């Protein structure tokens, strides 16, 4: 799926995780934004609800549950 200028909307999620006054950031491993700091997140997969997508993306990108 082409993401830069898609033919249809693409639903994405991002997680803002705060613990003891600190915000969790990850360094992006791939484009877009490779090498930049970002909140964990990504695209919602078909059949997932938003909560499931956020939990999956956080686990995939950080290893946290």
N, C-alpha and C. Protein backbone atom coordinates (compact mmCIF):
# COMPACT_ATOMS: atom_id res chain seq x y z
N UNK A 1 0.84 -1.17 0.00
CA UNK A 1 0.00 0.00 0.00
C UNK A 1 0.89 1.24 0.00
N UNK A 2 0.65 2.13 -0.93
CA UNK A 2 1.39 3.38 -1.00
C UNK A 2 0.90 4.32 0.09
N UNK A 3 1.83 4.85 0.92
CA UNK A 3 1.41 5.66 2.06
C UNK A 3 1.56 7.16 1.84
N UNK A 4 2.41 7.59 0.92
CA UNK A 4 2.67 9.01 0.79
C UNK A 4 1.43 9.78 0.35
N UNK A 5 0.79 9.34 -0.71
CA UNK A 5 -0.45 9.95 -1.17
C UNK A 5 -1.43 8.82 -1.49
N UNK A 6 -2.04 8.24 -0.46
CA UNK A 6 -2.91 7.07 -0.69
C UNK A 6 -4.19 7.43 -1.42
N UNK A 7 -4.74 6.45 -2.13
CA UNK A 7 -6.01 6.63 -2.83
C UNK A 7 -7.20 6.62 -1.88
N UNK A 8 -7.00 6.08 -0.69
CA UNK A 8 -8.06 6.00 0.31
C UNK A 8 -7.47 6.30 1.68
N UNK A 9 -8.29 6.63 2.65
CA UNK A 9 -7.77 6.91 3.99
C UNK A 9 -7.08 5.69 4.60
N UNK A 10 -6.04 5.94 5.36
CA UNK A 10 -5.33 4.90 6.10
C UNK A 10 -5.40 5.29 7.57
N UNK A 11 -5.92 4.39 8.40
CA UNK A 11 -6.10 4.69 9.82
C UNK A 11 -4.84 4.29 10.58
N UNK A 12 -4.34 5.22 11.37
CA UNK A 12 -3.16 4.97 12.18
C UNK A 12 -3.41 5.30 13.64
N UNK A 13 -2.55 4.78 14.50
CA UNK A 13 -2.63 5.04 15.94
C UNK A 13 -1.26 5.43 16.47
N UNK A 14 -1.26 6.14 17.58
CA UNK A 14 -0.02 6.47 18.28
C UNK A 14 -0.29 6.44 19.77
N UNK A 15 0.70 6.01 20.54
CA UNK A 15 0.54 5.87 21.98
C UNK A 15 1.42 6.89 22.70
N UNK A 16 0.80 7.70 23.56
CA UNK A 16 1.55 8.60 24.42
C UNK A 16 1.61 7.91 25.79
N UNK A 17 2.80 7.43 26.14
CA UNK A 17 2.98 6.68 27.39
C UNK A 17 3.79 7.54 28.34
N UNK A 18 3.18 7.86 29.49
CA UNK A 18 3.83 8.71 30.48
C UNK A 18 3.99 7.90 31.76
N UNK A 19 5.22 7.90 32.31
CA UNK A 19 5.50 7.18 33.54
C UNK A 19 6.46 8.03 34.37
N UNK A 20 6.08 8.34 35.59
CA UNK A 20 6.91 9.16 36.48
C UNK A 20 7.33 10.48 35.83
N UNK A 21 6.40 11.07 35.09
CA UNK A 21 6.66 12.37 34.47
C UNK A 21 7.51 12.31 33.22
N UNK A 22 7.84 11.11 32.74
CA UNK A 22 8.63 10.95 31.52
C UNK A 22 7.78 10.37 30.42
N UNK A 23 8.06 10.80 29.17
CA UNK A 23 7.32 10.32 28.00
C UNK A 23 8.19 9.33 27.25
N UNK A 24 7.61 8.18 26.89
CA UNK A 24 8.34 7.15 26.14
C UNK A 24 8.41 7.55 24.67
N UNK A 25 9.62 7.61 24.13
CA UNK A 25 9.84 7.84 22.71
C UNK A 25 10.66 6.68 22.16
N UNK A 26 10.53 6.46 20.86
CA UNK A 26 11.33 5.45 20.19
C UNK A 26 12.05 6.10 19.02
N UNK A 27 13.21 5.57 18.67
CA UNK A 27 13.93 6.07 17.51
C UNK A 27 13.49 5.23 16.31
N UNK A 28 12.94 5.89 15.30
CA UNK A 28 12.37 5.18 14.15
C UNK A 28 13.44 4.42 13.38
N UNK A 29 13.14 3.14 13.08
CA UNK A 29 14.08 2.28 12.38
C UNK A 29 13.91 2.31 10.87
N UNK A 30 12.76 2.83 10.40
CA UNK A 30 12.50 2.84 8.96
C UNK A 30 11.76 4.12 8.58
N UNK A 31 11.65 4.33 7.30
CA UNK A 31 10.92 5.49 6.79
C UNK A 31 9.43 5.29 7.00
N UNK A 32 8.65 6.31 7.13
CA UNK A 32 9.05 7.72 7.13
C UNK A 32 9.68 8.13 8.46
N UNK A 33 10.59 9.05 8.41
CA UNK A 33 11.19 9.59 9.62
C UNK A 33 12.30 8.75 10.21
N UNK A 34 12.95 7.90 9.42
CA UNK A 34 14.00 7.03 9.94
C UNK A 34 15.04 7.84 10.72
N UNK A 35 15.37 7.35 11.92
CA UNK A 35 16.36 8.01 12.75
C UNK A 35 15.82 9.10 13.66
N UNK A 36 14.57 9.47 13.47
CA UNK A 36 13.96 10.51 14.30
C UNK A 36 13.24 9.88 15.48
N UNK A 37 13.07 10.69 16.54
CA UNK A 37 12.36 10.23 17.73
C UNK A 37 10.86 10.40 17.51
N UNK A 38 10.08 9.42 17.98
CA UNK A 38 8.64 9.42 17.76
C UNK A 38 7.94 8.66 18.88
N UNK A 39 6.64 8.88 19.01
CA UNK A 39 5.85 8.03 19.89
C UNK A 39 5.61 6.71 19.14
N UNK A 40 5.47 5.60 19.87
CA UNK A 40 5.19 4.33 19.20
C UNK A 40 3.81 4.36 18.54
N UNK A 41 3.72 3.77 17.37
CA UNK A 41 2.44 3.72 16.68
C UNK A 41 2.59 3.14 15.30
N UNK A 42 1.48 3.08 14.60
CA UNK A 42 1.48 2.54 13.25
C UNK A 42 0.08 2.43 12.72
N UNK A 43 -0.09 1.56 11.73
CA UNK A 43 -1.37 1.42 11.06
C UNK A 43 -2.27 0.40 11.76
N UNK A 44 -3.56 0.66 11.70
CA UNK A 44 -4.56 -0.27 12.22
C UNK A 44 -4.76 -1.36 11.18
N UNK A 45 -4.69 -2.62 11.61
CA UNK A 45 -4.89 -3.74 10.71
C UNK A 45 -6.38 -4.06 10.58
N UNK A 46 -6.75 -4.64 9.45
CA UNK A 46 -8.14 -4.99 9.20
C UNK A 46 -8.67 -5.89 10.30
N UNK A 47 -9.82 -5.53 10.89
CA UNK A 47 -10.44 -6.32 11.95
C UNK A 47 -10.04 -5.91 13.35
N UNK A 48 -9.03 -5.05 13.49
CA UNK A 48 -8.60 -4.59 14.81
C UNK A 48 -9.42 -3.39 15.25
N UNK A 49 -9.63 -3.28 16.56
CA UNK A 49 -10.17 -2.01 17.05
C UNK A 49 -8.98 -1.14 17.45
N UNK A 50 -9.24 0.09 17.79
CA UNK A 50 -8.17 1.04 18.08
C UNK A 50 -7.31 0.59 19.27
N UNK A 51 -7.96 0.11 20.33
CA UNK A 51 -7.22 -0.34 21.51
C UNK A 51 -6.29 -1.50 21.18
N UNK A 52 -6.77 -2.47 20.41
CA UNK A 52 -5.94 -3.60 20.01
C UNK A 52 -4.75 -3.13 19.18
N UNK A 53 -4.99 -2.21 18.28
CA UNK A 53 -3.92 -1.70 17.42
C UNK A 53 -2.84 -0.98 18.23
N UNK A 54 -3.26 -0.16 19.19
CA UNK A 54 -2.28 0.55 20.03
C UNK A 54 -1.45 -0.45 20.82
N UNK A 55 -2.08 -1.42 21.45
CA UNK A 55 -1.35 -2.41 22.25
C UNK A 55 -0.39 -3.22 21.38
N UNK A 56 -0.82 -3.61 20.19
CA UNK A 56 0.04 -4.38 19.29
C UNK A 56 1.25 -3.55 18.86
N UNK A 57 1.01 -2.32 18.45
CA UNK A 57 2.10 -1.46 17.98
C UNK A 57 3.11 -1.18 19.09
N UNK A 58 2.63 -0.90 20.30
CA UNK A 58 3.55 -0.64 21.42
C UNK A 58 4.40 -1.88 21.68
N UNK A 59 3.79 -3.05 21.68
CA UNK A 59 4.54 -4.29 21.92
C UNK A 59 5.54 -4.54 20.80
N UNK A 60 5.14 -4.38 19.54
CA UNK A 60 6.03 -4.59 18.41
C UNK A 60 7.23 -3.64 18.44
N UNK A 61 6.99 -2.41 18.78
CA UNK A 61 8.04 -1.40 18.67
C UNK A 61 8.89 -1.22 19.92
N UNK A 62 8.35 -1.59 21.08
CA UNK A 62 9.09 -1.37 22.33
C UNK A 62 9.28 -2.62 23.17
N UNK A 63 8.47 -3.63 22.91
CA UNK A 63 8.52 -4.84 23.74
C UNK A 63 7.68 -4.73 25.00
N UNK A 64 7.06 -3.58 25.24
CA UNK A 64 6.24 -3.38 26.44
C UNK A 64 4.82 -3.90 26.23
N UNK A 65 4.20 -4.36 27.32
CA UNK A 65 2.80 -4.79 27.27
C UNK A 65 1.98 -3.90 28.17
